[in-house]
Amino acid sequence: MTIPALVLSLLPLGAAPADDWATFRGDALRSGNPGGSPLPTQLDLGWRFQDTAYRSPSFDSSPAVAKGAVIVGLAELSVFSPSGRIVSLDAASGKRLWDFKTKYPVSSPGP
């Protein structure tokens, strides 16, 4: 069985984690590039998060970035009980800070 992994923080070597994103994808244009600075041509994997304890996880939500944390929703789908989680990860290391089980799948960071 393949377990999907949440892969974030593709930063150039030595780059600092992103600042707080006050809105979805970081700016009013939803560009994912707040400030509009040119993106590096070479990206390196900063970290990867994977937890086999989650049932059939699907990270369908775009992440929110705030106060040094990446917050993302996921769906845990099973035949008998679809549910979800909200997971908070340290933006610099990818280590789980906390998670919260939800009654329904989480597929969006908000309005």
PDB file of N, CA and C in Angstrom:
ATOM      1  N   MET A   1       0.849  -1.177   0.000  1.00  0.00           N
ATOM      2  CA  MET A   1       0.000   0.000   0.000  1.00  0.00           C
ATOM      3  C   MET A   1       0.893   1.238   0.000  1.00  0.00           C
ATOM      4  N   THR A   2       0.609   2.161  -0.861  1.00  0.00           N
ATOM      5  CA  THR A   2       1.360   3.411  -0.921  1.00  0.00           C
ATOM      6  C   THR A   2       0.710   4.433   0.000  1.00  0.00           C
ATOM      7  N   ILE A   3       1.501   5.086   0.823  1.00  0.00           N
ATOM      8  CA  ILE A   3       1.021   6.126   1.732  1.00  0.00           C
ATOM      9  C   ILE A   3       1.402   7.475   1.149  1.00  0.00           C
ATOM     10  N   PRO A   4       0.410   8.336   0.829  1.00  0.00           N
ATOM     11  CA  PRO A   4       0.761   9.658   0.317  1.00  0.00           C
ATOM     12  C   PRO A   4       1.526  10.456   1.369  1.00  0.00           C
ATOM     13  N   ALA A   5       2.427  11.242   0.926  1.00  0.00           N
ATOM     14  CA  ALA A   5       3.212  12.077   1.839  1.00  0.00           C
ATOM     15  C   ALA A   5       2.917  13.539   1.530  1.00  0.00           C
ATOM     16  N   LEU A   6       2.960  14.349   2.541  1.00  0.00           N
ATOM     17  CA  LEU A   6       2.835  15.786   2.375  1.00  0.00           C
ATOM     18  C   LEU A   6       4.245  16.320   2.199  1.00  0.00           C
ATOM     19  N   VAL A   7       4.523  16.892   1.043  1.00  0.00           N
ATOM     20  CA  VAL A   7       5.852  17.415   0.763  1.00  0.00           C
ATOM     21  C   VAL A   7       5.717  18.920   0.582  1.00  0.00           C
ATOM     22  N   LEU A   8       6.348  19.645   1.467  1.00  0.00           N
ATOM     23  CA  LEU A   8       6.286  21.099   1.449  1.00  0.00           C
ATOM     24  C   LEU A   8       7.681  21.654   1.630  1.00  0.00           C
ATOM     25  N   SER A   9       7.754  22.951   1.732  1.00  0.00           N
ATOM     26  CA  SER A   9       9.000  23.631   2.037  1.00  0.00           C
ATOM     27  C   SER A   9      10.066  23.340   0.996  1.00  0.00           C
ATOM     28  N   LEU A  10       9.716  23.472  -0.268  1.00  0.00           N
ATOM     29  CA  LEU A  10      10.717  23.372  -1.321  1.00  0.00           C
ATOM     30  C   LEU A  10      11.385  24.734  -1.431  1.00  0.00           C
ATOM     31  N   LEU A  11      12.484  24.879  -0.730  1.00  0.00           N
ATOM     32  CA  LEU A  11      13.164  26.159  -0.632  1.00  0.00           C
ATOM     33  C   LEU A  11      14.573  26.034  -1.176  1.00  0.00           C
ATOM     34  N   PRO A  12      15.118  27.125  -1.706  1.00  0.00           N
ATOM     35  CA  PRO A  12      16.524  27.067  -2.062  1.00  0.00           C
ATOM     36  C   PRO A  12      17.342  26.861  -0.789  1.00  0.00           C
ATOM     37  N   LEU A  13      18.497  26.221  -0.917  1.00  0.00           N
ATOM     38  CA  LEU A  13      19.324  25.974   0.263  1.00  0.00           C
ATOM     39  C   LEU A  13      19.599  27.282   0.993  1.00  0.00           C
ATOM     40  N   GLY A  14      19.427  27.243   2.312  1.00  0.00           N
ATOM     41  CA  GLY A  14      19.701  28.416   3.129  1.00  0.00           C
ATOM     42  C   GLY A  14      18.549  29.398   3.209  1.00  0.00           C
ATOM     43  N   ALA A  15      17.444  29.148   2.519  1.00  0.00           N
ATOM     44  CA  ALA A  15      16.320  30.082   2.556  1.00  0.00           C
ATOM     45  C   ALA A  15      15.557  29.929   3.862  1.00  0.00           C
ATOM     46  N   ALA A  16      14.982  31.020   4.326  1.00  0.00           N
ATOM     47  CA  ALA A  16      14.184  30.999   5.546  1.00  0.00           C
ATOM     48  C   ALA A  16      12.765  30.557   5.225  1.00  0.00           C
ATOM     49  N   PRO A  17      12.033  29.988   6.214  1.00  0.00           N
ATOM     50  CA  PRO A  17      10.641  29.633   5.986  1.00  0.00           C
ATOM     51  C   PRO A  17       9.822  30.871   5.620  1.00  0.00           C
ATOM     52  N   ALA A  18       8.705  30.642   4.960  1.00  0.00           N
ATOM     53  CA  ALA A  18       7.853  31.737   4.503  1.00  0.00           C
ATOM     54  C   ALA A  18       7.288  32.521   5.677  1.00  0.00           C
ATOM     55  N   ASP A  19       6.993  33.795   5.445  1.00  0.00           N
ATOM     56  CA  ASP A  19       6.306  34.616   6.433  1.00  0.00           C
ATOM     57  C   ASP A  19       4.859  34.162   6.518  1.00  0.00           C
ATOM     58  N   ASP A  20       4.110  34.764   7.475  1.00  0.00           N
ATOM     59  CA  ASP A  20       2.689  34.455   7.589  1.00  0.00           C
ATOM     60  C   ASP A  20       1.969  34.778   6.289  1.00  0.00           C
ATOM     61  N   TRP A  21       1.066  33.911   5.916  1.00  0.00           N
ATOM     62  CA  TRP A  21       0.214  34.150   4.753  1.00  0.00           C
ATOM     63  C   TRP A  21      -1.153  34.529   5.304  1.00  0.00           C
ATOM     64  N   ALA A  22      -1.509  35.784   5.190  1.00  0.00           N
ATOM     65  CA  ALA A  22      -2.757  36.277   5.772  1.00  0.00           C
ATOM     66  C   ALA A  22      -3.987  35.852   4.982  1.00  0.00           C
ATOM     67  N   THR A  23      -3.796  35.296   3.811  1.00  0.00           N
ATOM     68  CA  THR A  23      -4.912  34.865   2.981  1.00  0.00           C
ATOM     69  C   THR A  23      -4.521  33.611   2.210  1.00  0.00           C
ATOM     70  N   PHE A  24      -5.501  32.963   1.616  1.00  0.00           N
ATOM     71  CA  PHE A  24      -5.275  31.734   0.865  1.00  0.00           C
ATOM     72  C   PHE A  24      -4.211  31.934  -0.206  1.00  0.00           C
ATOM     73  N   ARG A  25      -3.207  31.086  -0.233  1.00  0.00           N
ATOM     74  CA  ARG A  25      -2.073  31.114  -1.168  1.00  0.00           C
ATOM     75  C   ARG A  25      -1.247  32.395  -1.061  1.00  0.00           C
ATOM     76  N   GLY A  26      -1.393  33.121   0.063  1.00  0.00           N
ATOM     77  CA  GLY A  26      -0.442  34.161   0.400  1.00  0.00           C
ATOM     78  C   GLY A  26      -0.718  35.582  -0.024  1.00  0.00           C
ATOM     79  N   ASP A  27      -1.521  35.786  -1.058  1.00  0.00           N
ATOM     80  CA  ASP A  27      -1.801  37.164  -1.481  1.00  0.00           C
ATOM     81  C   ASP A  27      -3.159  37.234  -2.177  1.00  0.00           C
ATOM     82  N   ALA A  28      -3.596  38.452  -2.461  1.00  0.00           N
ATOM     83  CA  ALA A  28      -4.925  38.657  -3.053  1.00  0.00           C
ATOM     84  C   ALA A  28      -5.074  37.983  -4.416  1.00  0.00           C
ATOM     85  N   LEU A  29      -3.980  37.794  -5.143  1.00  0.00           N
ATOM     86  CA  LEU A  29      -4.044  37.131  -6.445  1.00  0.00           C
ATOM     87  C   LEU A  29      -3.974  35.615  -6.330  1.00  0.00           C
ATOM     88  N   ARG A  30      -3.800  35.106  -5.093  1.00  0.00           N
ATOM     89  CA  ARG A  30      -3.690  33.664  -4.840  1.00  0.00           C
ATOM     90  C   ARG A  30      -2.534  33.045  -5.634  1.00  0.00           C
ATOM     91  N   SER A  31      -1.442  33.807  -5.737  1.00  0.00           N
ATOM     92  CA  SER A  31      -0.313  33.394  -6.574  1.00  0.00           C
ATOM     93  C   SER A  31       0.580  32.338  -5.918  1.00  0.00           C
ATOM     94  N   GLY A  32       0.537  32.239  -4.600  1.00  0.00           N
ATOM     95  CA  GLY A  32       1.469  31.358  -3.916  1.00  0.00           C
ATOM     96  C   GLY A  32       2.870  31.952  -3.856  1.00  0.00           C
ATOM     97  N   ASN A  33       3.003  33.212  -4.266  1.00  0.00           N
ATOM     98  CA  ASN A  33       4.296  33.891  -4.265  1.00  0.00           C
ATOM     99  C   ASN A  33       4.112  35.317  -3.738  1.00  0.00           C
ATOM    100  N   PRO A  34       3.781  35.460  -2.438  1.00  0.00           N
ATOM    101  CA  PRO A  34       3.578  36.807  -1.899  1.00  0.00           C
ATOM    102  C   PRO A  34       4.835  37.644  -2.057  1.00  0.00           C
ATOM    103  N   GLY A  35       4.655  38.884  -2.397  1.00  0.00           N
ATOM    104  CA  GLY A  35       5.785  39.785  -2.607  1.00  0.00           C
ATOM    105  C   GLY A  35       6.260  39.801  -4.042  1.00  0.00           C
ATOM    106  N   GLY A  36       5.953  38.758  -4.808  1.00  0.00           N
ATOM    107  CA  GLY A  36       6.273  38.727  -6.230  1.00  0.00           C
ATOM    108  C   GLY A  36       7.746  38.610  -6.563  1.00  0.00           C
ATOM    109  N   SER A  37       8.597  38.270  -5.580  1.00  0.00           N
ATOM    110  CA  SER A  37      10.012  38.152  -5.898  1.00  0.00           C
ATOM    111  C   SER A  37      10.234  36.948  -6.812  1.00  0.00           C
ATOM    112  N   PRO A  38      11.243  37.016  -7.674  1.00  0.00           N
ATOM    113  CA  PRO A  38      11.493  35.897  -8.585  1.00  0.00           C
ATOM    114  C   PRO A  38      11.781  34.614  -7.803  1.00  0.00           C
ATOM    115  N   LEU A  39      11.215  33.523  -8.267  1.00  0.00           N
ATOM    116  CA  LEU A  39      11.458  32.242  -7.622  1.00  0.00           C
ATOM    117  C   LEU A  39      12.786  31.674  -8.105  1.00  0.00           C
ATOM    118  N   PRO A  40      13.472  30.923  -7.268  1.00  0.00           N
ATOM    119  CA  PRO A  40      14.735  30.326  -7.693  1.00  0.00           C
ATOM    120  C   PRO A  40      14.495  29.288  -8.785  1.00  0.00           C
ATOM    121  N   THR A  41      15.468  29.116  -9.631  1.00  0.00           N
ATOM    122  CA  THR A  41      15.341  28.113 -10.691  1.00  0.00           C
ATOM    123  C   THR A  41      15.648  26.723 -10.178  1.00  0.00           C
ATOM    124  N   GLN A  42      16.393  26.618  -9.088  1.00  0.00           N
ATOM    125  CA  GLN A  42      16.726  25.327  -8.488  1.00  0.00           C
ATOM    126  C   GLN A  42      16.074  25.235  -7.109  1.00  0.00           C
ATOM    127  N   LEU A  43      15.205  24.252  -6.899  1.00  0.00           N
ATOM    128  CA  LEU A  43      14.576  24.027  -5.604  1.00  0.00           C
ATOM    129  C   LEU A  43      15.102  22.733  -5.010  1.00  0.00           C
ATOM    130  N   ASP A  44      15.237  22.720  -3.702  1.00  0.00           N
ATOM    131  CA  ASP A  44      15.668  21.525  -2.995  1.00  0.00           C
ATOM    132  C   ASP A  44      14.602  21.157  -1.978  1.00  0.00           C
ATOM    133  N   LEU A  45      14.419  19.874  -1.740  1.00  0.00           N
ATOM    134  CA  LEU A  45      13.448  19.403  -0.768  1.00  0.00           C
ATOM    135  C   LEU A  45      13.909  19.807   0.622  1.00  0.00           C
ATOM    136  N   GLY A  46      13.067  20.565   1.307  1.00  0.00           N
ATOM    137  CA  GLY A  46      13.390  20.999   2.664  1.00  0.00           C
ATOM    138  C   GLY A  46      13.043  19.935   3.690  1.00  0.00           C
ATOM    139  N   TRP A  47      11.882  19.273   3.532  1.00  0.00           N
ATOM    140  CA  TRP A  47      11.462  18.205   4.424  1.00  0.00           C
ATOM    141  C   TRP A  47      10.255  17.501   3.837  1.00  0.00           C
ATOM    142  N   ARG A  48       9.909  16.382   4.445  1.00  0.00           N
ATOM    143  CA  ARG A  48       8.750  15.588   4.026  1.00  0.00           C
ATOM    144  C   ARG A  48       8.046  15.105   5.291  1.00  0.00           C
ATOM    145  N   PHE A  49       6.714  15.132   5.278  1.00  0.00           N
ATOM    146  CA  PHE A  49       5.934  14.624   6.408  1.00  0.00           C
ATOM    147  C   PHE A  49       5.130  13.416   5.945  1.00  0.00           C
ATOM    148  N   GLN A  50       5.205  12.353   6.733  1.00  0.00           N
ATOM    149  CA  GLN A  50       4.447  11.150   6.429  1.00  0.00           C
ATOM    150  C   GLN A  50       4.122  10.464   7.749  1.00  0.00           C
ATOM    151  N   ASP A  51       2.892  10.022   7.910  1.00  0.00           N
ATOM    152  CA  ASP A  51       2.498   9.338   9.128  1.00  0.00           C
ATOM    153  C   ASP A  51       1.623   8.152   8.750  1.00  0.00           C
ATOM    154  N   THR A  52       2.102   6.956   8.988  1.00  0.00           N
ATOM    155  CA  THR A  52       1.366   5.753   8.609  1.00  0.00           C
ATOM    156  C   THR A  52       0.180   5.478   9.535  1.00  0.00           C
ATOM    157  N   ALA A  53       0.045   6.231  10.629  1.00  0.00           N
ATOM    158  CA  ALA A  53      -1.084   6.037  11.535  1.00  0.00           C
ATOM    159  C   ALA A  53      -2.388   6.585  10.948  1.00  0.00           C
ATOM    160  N   TYR A  54      -2.289   7.519   9.999  1.00  0.00           N
ATOM    161  CA  TYR A  54      -3.495   8.053   9.386  1.00  0.00           C
ATOM    162  C   TYR A  54      -4.039   7.027   8.404  1.00  0.00           C
ATOM    163  N   ARG A  55      -5.365   6.859   8.370  1.00  0.00           N
ATOM    164  CA  ARG A  55      -5.998   5.892   7.474  1.00  0.00           C
ATOM    165  C   ARG A  55      -6.161   6.484   6.090  1.00  0.00           C
ATOM    166  N   SER A  56      -5.552   5.902   5.095  1.00  0.00           N
ATOM    167  CA  SER A  56      -5.686   6.334   3.693  1.00  0.00           C
ATOM    168  C   SER A  56      -5.690   7.857   3.569  1.00  0.00           C
ATOM    169  N   PRO A  57      -4.644   8.532   4.036  1.00  0.00           N
ATOM    170  CA  PRO A  57      -4.671   9.994   4.046  1.00  0.00           C
ATOM    171  C   PRO A  57      -4.613  10.596   2.646  1.00  0.00           C
ATOM    172  N   SER A  58      -5.354  11.664   2.482  1.00  0.00           N
ATOM    173  CA  SER A  58      -5.343  12.428   1.242  1.00  0.00           C
ATOM    174  C   SER A  58      -5.201  13.898   1.612  1.00  0.00           C
ATOM    175  N   PHE A  59      -4.047  14.475   1.329  1.00  0.00           N
ATOM    176  CA  PHE A  59      -3.815  15.891   1.617  1.00  0.00           C
ATOM    177  C   PHE A  59      -4.359  16.698   0.444  1.00  0.00           C
ATOM    178  N   ASP A  60      -5.638  17.043   0.493  1.00  0.00           N
ATOM    179  CA  ASP A  60      -6.293  17.764  -0.597  1.00  0.00           C
ATOM    180  C   ASP A  60      -6.375  19.261  -0.343  1.00  0.00           C
ATOM    181  N   SER A  61      -6.023  19.695   0.827  1.00  0.00           N
ATOM    182  CA  SER A  61      -6.132  21.096   1.216  1.00  0.00           C
ATOM    183  C   SER A  61      -4.825  21.827   0.934  1.00  0.00           C
ATOM    184  N   SER A  62      -4.921  23.059   0.456  1.00  0.00           N
ATOM    185  CA  SER A  62      -3.726  23.898   0.352  1.00  0.00           C
ATOM    186  C   SER A  62      -3.299  24.283   1.758  1.00  0.00           C
ATOM    187  N   PRO A  63      -2.014  24.352   2.024  1.00  0.00           N
ATOM    188  CA  PRO A  63      -1.564  24.696   3.372  1.00  0.00           C
ATOM    189  C   PRO A  63      -1.714  26.178   3.672  1.00  0.00           C
ATOM    190  N   ALA A  64      -1.876  26.473   4.953  1.00  0.00           N
ATOM    191  CA  ALA A  64      -1.813  27.844   5.446  1.00  0.00           C
ATOM    192  C   ALA A  64      -0.492  27.967   6.204  1.00  0.00           C
ATOM    193  N   VAL A  65       0.155  29.114   6.106  1.00  0.00           N
ATOM    194  CA  VAL A  65       1.434  29.341   6.771  1.00  0.00           C
ATOM    195  C   VAL A  65       1.261  30.498   7.742  1.00  0.00           C
ATOM    196  N   ALA A  66       1.551  30.262   9.035  1.00  0.00           N
ATOM    197  CA  ALA A  66       1.411  31.317  10.035  1.00  0.00           C
ATOM    198  C   ALA A  66       2.283  31.007  11.244  1.00  0.00           C
ATOM    199  N   LYS A  67       2.952  32.017  11.741  1.00  0.00           N
ATOM    200  CA  LYS A  67       3.743  31.942  12.969  1.00  0.00           C
ATOM    201  C   LYS A  67       4.683  30.732  12.993  1.00  0.00           C
ATOM    202  N   GLY A  68       5.341  30.489  11.867  1.00  0.00           N
ATOM    203  CA  GLY A  68       6.318  29.413  11.799  1.00  0.00           C
ATOM    204  C   GLY A  68       5.729  28.022  11.665  1.00  0.00           C
ATOM    205  N   ALA A  69       4.426  27.943  11.383  1.00  0.00           N
ATOM    206  CA  ALA A  69       3.774  26.639  11.249  1.00  0.00           C
ATOM    207  C   ALA A  69       3.080  26.527   9.894  1.00  0.00           C
ATOM    208  N   VAL A  70       2.998  25.307   9.408  1.00  0.00           N
ATOM    209  CA  VAL A  70       2.234  24.983   8.207  1.00  0.00           C
ATOM    210  C   VAL A  70       1.030  24.193   8.692  1.00  0.00           C
ATOM    211  N   ILE A  71      -0.175  24.653   8.346  1.00  0.00           N
ATOM    212  CA  ILE A  71      -1.402  23.995   8.794  1.00  0.00           C
ATOM    213  C   ILE A  71      -2.131  23.493   7.561  1.00  0.00           C
ATOM    214  N   VAL A  72      -2.467  22.210   7.558  1.00  0.00           N
ATOM    215  CA  VAL A  72      -3.084  21.599   6.391  1.00  0.00           C
ATOM    216  C   VAL A  72      -4.167  20.623   6.844  1.00  0.00           C
ATOM    217  N   GLY A  73      -5.214  20.523   6.025  1.00  0.00           N
ATOM    218  CA  GLY A  73      -6.280  19.576   6.301  1.00  0.00           C
ATOM    219  C   GLY A  73      -6.109  18.329   5.461  1.00  0.00           C
ATOM    220  N   LEU A  74      -6.651  17.228   5.951  1.00  0.00           N
ATOM    221  CA  LEU A  74      -6.592  15.998   5.173  1.00  0.00           C
ATOM    222  C   LEU A  74      -7.882  15.213   5.341  1.00  0.00           C
ATOM    223  N   ALA A  75      -8.111  14.326   4.401  1.00  0.00           N
ATOM    224  CA  ALA A  75      -9.248  13.417   4.449  1.00  0.00           C
ATOM    225  C   ALA A  75      -8.728  12.038   4.804  1.00  0.00           C
ATOM    226  N   GLU A  76      -9.404  11.382   5.728  1.00  0.00           N
ATOM    227  CA  GLU A  76      -9.114   9.989   6.047  1.00  0.00           C
ATOM    228  C   GLU A  76     -10.344   9.203   5.623  1.00  0.00           C
ATOM    229  N   LEU A  77     -10.237   8.521   4.517  1.00  0.00           N
ATOM    230  CA  LEU A  77     -11.401   7.871   3.953  1.00  0.00           C
ATOM    231  C   LEU A  77     -11.370   6.374   4.228  1.00  0.00           C
ATOM    232  N   SER A  78     -12.490   5.881   4.705  1.00  0.00           N
ATOM    233  CA  SER A  78     -12.680   4.440   4.817  1.00  0.00           C
ATOM    234  C   SER A  78     -14.110   4.146   4.386  1.00  0.00           C
ATOM    235  N   VAL A  79     -14.379   2.926   4.114  1.00  0.00           N
ATOM    236  CA  VAL A  79     -15.717   2.538   3.653  1.00  0.00           C
ATOM    237  C   VAL A  79     -16.767   2.869   4.694  1.00  0.00           C
ATOM    238  N   PHE A  80     -16.429   2.725   5.960  1.00  0.00           N
ATOM    239  CA  PHE A  80     -17.433   2.887   7.009  1.00  0.00           C
ATOM    240  C   PHE A  80     -17.403   4.242   7.705  1.00  0.00           C
ATOM    241  N   SER A  81     -16.321   4.988   7.575  1.00  0.00           N
ATOM    242  CA  SER A  81     -16.209   6.201   8.368  1.00  0.00           C
ATOM    243  C   SER A  81     -15.292   7.237   7.724  1.00  0.00           C
ATOM    244  N   PRO A  82     -15.831   8.075   6.840  1.00  0.00           N
ATOM    245  CA  PRO A  82     -14.982   9.158   6.343  1.00  0.00           C
ATOM    246  C   PRO A  82     -14.798  10.208   7.447  1.00  0.00           C
ATOM    247  N   SER A  83     -13.585  10.605   7.662  1.00  0.00           N
ATOM    248  CA  SER A  83     -13.290  11.638   8.655  1.00  0.00           C
ATOM    249  C   SER A  83     -12.097  12.428   8.149  1.00  0.00           C
ATOM    250  N   GLY A  84     -11.550  13.270   8.983  1.00  0.00           N
ATOM    251  CA  GLY A  84     -10.404  14.060   8.561  1.00  0.00           C
ATOM    252  C   GLY A  84      -9.562  14.487   9.736  1.00  0.00           C
ATOM    253  N   ARG A  85      -8.581  15.316   9.437  1.00  0.00           N
ATOM    254  CA  ARG A  85      -7.692  15.870  10.458  1.00  0.00           C
ATOM    255  C   ARG A  85      -7.225  17.247  10.004  1.00  0.00           C
ATOM    256  N   ILE A  86      -6.865  18.042  10.969  1.00  0.00           N
ATOM    257  CA  ILE A  86      -6.127  19.265  10.731  1.00  0.00           C
ATOM    258  C   ILE A  86      -4.771  19.036  11.378  1.00  0.00           C
ATOM    259  N   VAL A  87      -3.722  19.230  10.613  1.00  0.00           N
ATOM    260  CA  VAL A  87      -2.372  18.936  11.083  1.00  0.00           C
ATOM    261  C   VAL A  87      -1.541  20.212  11.051  1.00  0.00           C
ATOM    262  N   SER A  88      -0.821  20.469  12.131  1.00  0.00           N
ATOM    263  CA  SER A  88       0.089  21.605  12.206  1.00  0.00           C
ATOM    264  C   SER A  88       1.518  21.077  12.235  1.00  0.00           C
ATOM    265  N   LEU A  89       2.348  21.595  11.316  1.00  0.00           N
ATOM    266  CA  LEU A  89       3.737  21.158  11.193  1.00  0.00           C
ATOM    267  C   LEU A  89       4.672  22.348  11.347  1.00  0.00           C
ATOM    268  N   ASP A  90       5.815  22.123  11.942  1.00  0.00           N
ATOM    269  CA  ASP A  90       6.827  23.171  12.040  1.00  0.00           C
ATOM    270  C   ASP A  90       7.326  23.493  10.632  1.00  0.00           C
ATOM    271  N   ALA A  91       7.262  24.766  10.230  1.00  0.00           N
ATOM    272  CA  ALA A  91       7.629  25.160   8.867  1.00  0.00           C
ATOM    273  C   ALA A  91       9.108  24.922   8.564  1.00  0.00           C
ATOM    274  N   ALA A  92       9.957  24.987   9.560  1.00  0.00           N
ATOM    275  CA  ALA A  92      11.393  24.809   9.325  1.00  0.00           C
ATOM    276  C   ALA A  92      11.801  23.340   9.237  1.00  0.00           C
ATOM    277  N   SER A  93      11.169  22.484  10.055  1.00  0.00           N
ATOM    278  CA  SER A  93      11.628  21.094  10.145  1.00  0.00           C
ATOM    279  C   SER A  93      10.643  20.068   9.598  1.00  0.00           C
ATOM    280  N   GLY A  94       9.348  20.423   9.521  1.00  0.00           N
ATOM    281  CA  GLY A  94       8.334  19.472   9.099  1.00  0.00           C
ATOM    282  C   GLY A  94       7.840  18.573  10.210  1.00  0.00           C
ATOM    283  N   LYS A  95       8.317  18.761  11.419  1.00  0.00           N
ATOM    284  CA  LYS A  95       7.873  17.945  12.557  1.00  0.00           C
ATOM    285  C   LYS A  95       6.447  18.335  12.946  1.00  0.00           C
ATOM    286  N   ARG A  96       5.644  17.317  13.292  1.00  0.00           N
ATOM    287  CA  ARG A  96       4.263  17.577  13.697  1.00  0.00           C
ATOM    288  C   ARG A  96       4.242  18.322  15.027  1.00  0.00           C
ATOM    289  N   LEU A  97       3.500  19.431  15.069  1.00  0.00           N
ATOM    290  CA  LEU A  97       3.304  20.178  16.306  1.00  0.00           C
ATOM    291  C   LEU A  97       2.056  19.660  17.020  1.00  0.00           C
ATOM    292  N   TRP A  98       0.979  19.476  16.261  1.00  0.00           N
ATOM    293  CA  TRP A  98      -0.264  18.931  16.801  1.00  0.00           C
ATOM    294  C   TRP A  98      -1.155  18.496  15.642  1.00  0.00           C
ATOM    295  N   ASP A  99      -2.165  17.706  15.960  1.00  0.00           N
ATOM    296  CA  ASP A  99      -3.203  17.404  14.984  1.00  0.00           C
ATOM    297  C   ASP A  99      -4.531  17.288  15.710  1.00  0.00           C
ATOM    298  N   PHE A 100      -5.609  17.442  14.956  1.00  0.00           N
ATOM    299  CA  PHE A 100      -6.958  17.441  15.512  1.00  0.00           C
ATOM    300  C   PHE A 100      -7.842  16.611  14.598  1.00  0.00           C
ATOM    301  N   LYS A 101      -8.455  15.574  15.137  1.00  0.00           N
ATOM    302  CA  LYS A 101      -9.343  14.715  14.357  1.00  0.00           C
ATOM    303  C   LYS A 101     -10.679  15.418  14.164  1.00  0.00           C
ATOM    304  N   THR A 102     -11.185  15.395  12.932  1.00  0.00           N
ATOM    305  CA  THR A 102     -12.466  16.021  12.615  1.00  0.00           C
ATOM    306  C   THR A 102     -13.488  14.963  12.211  1.00  0.00           C
ATOM    307  N   LYS A 103     -14.746  15.315  12.314  1.00  0.00           N
ATOM    308  CA  LYS A 103     -15.819  14.385  11.969  1.00  0.00           C
ATOM    309  C   LYS A 103     -15.911  14.174  10.457  1.00  0.00           C
ATOM    310  N   TYR A 104     -15.528  15.192   9.683  1.00  0.00           N
ATOM    311  CA  TYR A 104     -15.636  15.133   8.228  1.00  0.00           C
ATOM    312  C   TYR A 104     -14.274  15.414   7.583  1.00  0.00           C
ATOM    313  N   PRO A 105     -14.068  14.987   6.331  1.00  0.00           N
ATOM    314  CA  PRO A 105     -12.831  15.292   5.637  1.00  0.00           C
ATOM    315  C   PRO A 105     -12.615  16.812   5.526  1.00  0.00           C
ATOM    316  N   VAL A 106     -11.382  17.239   5.560  1.00  0.00           N
ATOM    317  CA  VAL A 106     -11.030  18.655   5.433  1.00  0.00           C
ATOM    318  C   VAL A 106     -10.371  18.818   4.052  1.00  0.00           C
ATOM    319  N   SER A 107     -11.039  19.551   3.162  1.00  0.00           N
ATOM    320  CA  SER A 107     -10.522  19.689   1.804  1.00  0.00           C
ATOM    321  C   SER A 107     -10.244  21.128   1.422  1.00  0.00           C
ATOM    322  N   SER A 108     -10.370  22.054   2.359  1.00  0.00           N
ATOM    323  CA  SER A 108     -10.116  23.448   2.072  1.00  0.00           C
ATOM    324  C   SER A 108      -9.632  24.148   3.325  1.00  0.00           C
ATOM    325  N   PRO A 109      -8.710  25.111   3.188  1.00  0.00           N
ATOM    326  CA  PRO A 109      -8.234  25.823   4.361  1.00  0.00           C
ATOM    327  C   PRO A 109      -9.220  26.850   4.877  1.00  0.00           C
ATOM    328  N   GLY A 110     -10.270  27.137   4.158  1.00  0.00           N
ATOM    329  CA  GLY A 110     -11.252  28.116   4.595  1.00  0.00           C
ATOM    330  C   GLY A 110     -11.803  28.903   3.437  1.00  0.00           C
ATOM    331  N   PRO A 111     -12.654  29.880   3.723  1.00  0.00           N
ATOM    332  CA  PRO A 111     -13.286  30.652   2.666  1.00  0.00           C
ATOM    333  C   PRO A 111     -12.317  31.513   1.888  1.00  0.00           C
TER     334      PRO A 111
END
